[in-house]
Protein backbone atom coordinates (compact mmCIF):
# COMPACT_ATOMS: atom_id res chain seq x y z
CA MET A 1 63.55 -89.21 130.90
CA LEU A 2 61.25 -87.00 133.41
CA PRO A 3 58.19 -85.90 132.28
CA ILE A 4 57.48 -82.56 130.49
CA LEU A 5 55.72 -79.90 133.32
CA TYR A 6 53.82 -77.00 132.29
CA PRO A 7 53.00 -74.92 135.25
CA LEU A 8 50.39 -73.21 133.44
CA TYR A 9 47.63 -74.28 131.74
CA TRP A 10 44.96 -72.87 129.25
CA ALA A 11 41.77 -74.29 131.40
CA ARG A 12 41.29 -74.98 134.82
CA GLU A 13 40.34 -78.82 134.04
CA TYR A 14 43.63 -79.88 133.65
CA VAL A 15 44.85 -78.06 137.46
CA GLU A 16 41.53 -80.29 138.49
CA ASP A 17 43.59 -83.33 137.10
CA GLY A 18 47.01 -82.30 139.30
CA GLY A 19 48.60 -79.11 136.72
CA LEU A 20 49.64 -76.27 139.26
CA MET A 21 47.23 -73.52 137.83
CA THR A 22 45.17 -71.30 135.04
CA TYR A 23 44.91 -67.90 134.16
CA SER A 24 42.36 -68.21 131.33
CA ALA A 25 38.93 -67.10 129.90
CA ASN A 26 36.18 -68.33 131.63
CA ILE A 27 35.31 -71.21 129.25
CA ALA A 28 31.59 -71.25 130.74
CA GLU A 29 31.18 -67.99 129.55
CA LEU A 30 32.69 -68.73 125.93
CA ARG A 31 30.48 -71.71 125.38
CA ARG A 32 27.21 -69.33 126.60
CA ARG A 33 28.45 -66.18 124.40
CA ALA A 34 28.91 -69.14 121.53
CA ALA A 35 25.46 -70.33 122.33
CA ILE A 36 24.47 -66.84 121.44
CA PHE A 37 25.88 -66.13 118.06
CA VAL A 38 24.52 -69.47 116.87
CA ASP A 39 21.35 -68.55 117.70
CA ARG A 40 21.25 -65.54 115.93
CA ILE A 41 22.81 -67.25 112.96
CA PHE A 42 19.71 -69.90 112.98
CA LYS A 43 17.35 -66.52 113.05
CA GLY A 44 18.97 -65.52 109.88
CA ALA A 45 21.81 -63.40 110.77
CA LYS A 46 24.72 -63.53 108.96
CA PRO A 47 28.34 -64.87 110.06
CA ARG A 48 29.93 -61.73 108.42
CA ASP A 49 27.64 -59.10 109.95
CA LEU A 50 27.82 -60.34 113.62
CA PRO A 51 30.74 -58.22 115.98
CA ILE A 52 33.92 -59.88 116.84
CA GLU A 53 33.96 -60.39 120.49
CA GLN A 54 37.01 -60.60 123.23
CA PRO A 55 37.16 -62.73 126.40
CA THR A 56 36.00 -60.73 129.61
CA GLU A 57 35.32 -62.93 132.35
CA PHE A 58 38.93 -64.56 133.22
CA GLU A 59 39.53 -67.48 136.25
CA LEU A 60 42.33 -67.87 138.15
CA VAL A 61 42.69 -71.34 139.81
CA ILE A 62 45.10 -72.51 141.96
CA ASN A 63 46.55 -76.06 142.72
CA LEU A 64 47.99 -75.85 146.22
CA LYS A 65 48.23 -79.63 146.66
CA THR A 66 50.49 -79.40 143.50
CA ALA A 67 52.57 -76.64 144.31
CA LYS A 68 53.53 -78.36 147.56
CA ALA A 69 54.14 -81.51 145.64
CA LEU A 70 56.72 -79.49 143.95
CA GLY A 71 58.14 -77.57 146.66
CA LEU A 72 56.54 -73.96 146.18
CA THR A 73 55.12 -71.87 147.93
CA ILE A 74 52.55 -69.89 146.41
CA PRO A 75 52.12 -66.20 147.51
CA GLN A 76 49.46 -65.55 149.94
CA ALA A 77 48.41 -62.34 147.71
CA LEU A 78 48.46 -64.75 144.59
CA LEU A 79 45.95 -67.10 146.89
CA GLN A 80 43.64 -64.23 148.03
CA ARG A 81 43.00 -63.28 143.89
CA ALA A 82 42.31 -66.89 142.58
CA ASP A 83 38.74 -67.67 141.84
CA GLN A 84 39.45 -71.59 143.41
CA VAL A 85 42.05 -72.82 145.10
CA ILE A 86 42.50 -76.24 144.89
CA GLU A 87 43.98 -77.64 148.23
């Protein structure tokens, strides 16, 4: 039985470990924003009064080694848009 292959992952760590690609919110930025909210709560803000935020920074990471192993050719235009290309 062949393993299930997911081409698109939710975090860059999966791509660094051999996944094909990710297009997701920048996790480091999400953690930084979460720390700001925790700080506000510790200083007395009520969670219900804090604004709801959506991610604004996204990253595209492509693993060319995996693409080659799968026999895929990634278009040059997509590689140029990538924040990181793992070779």
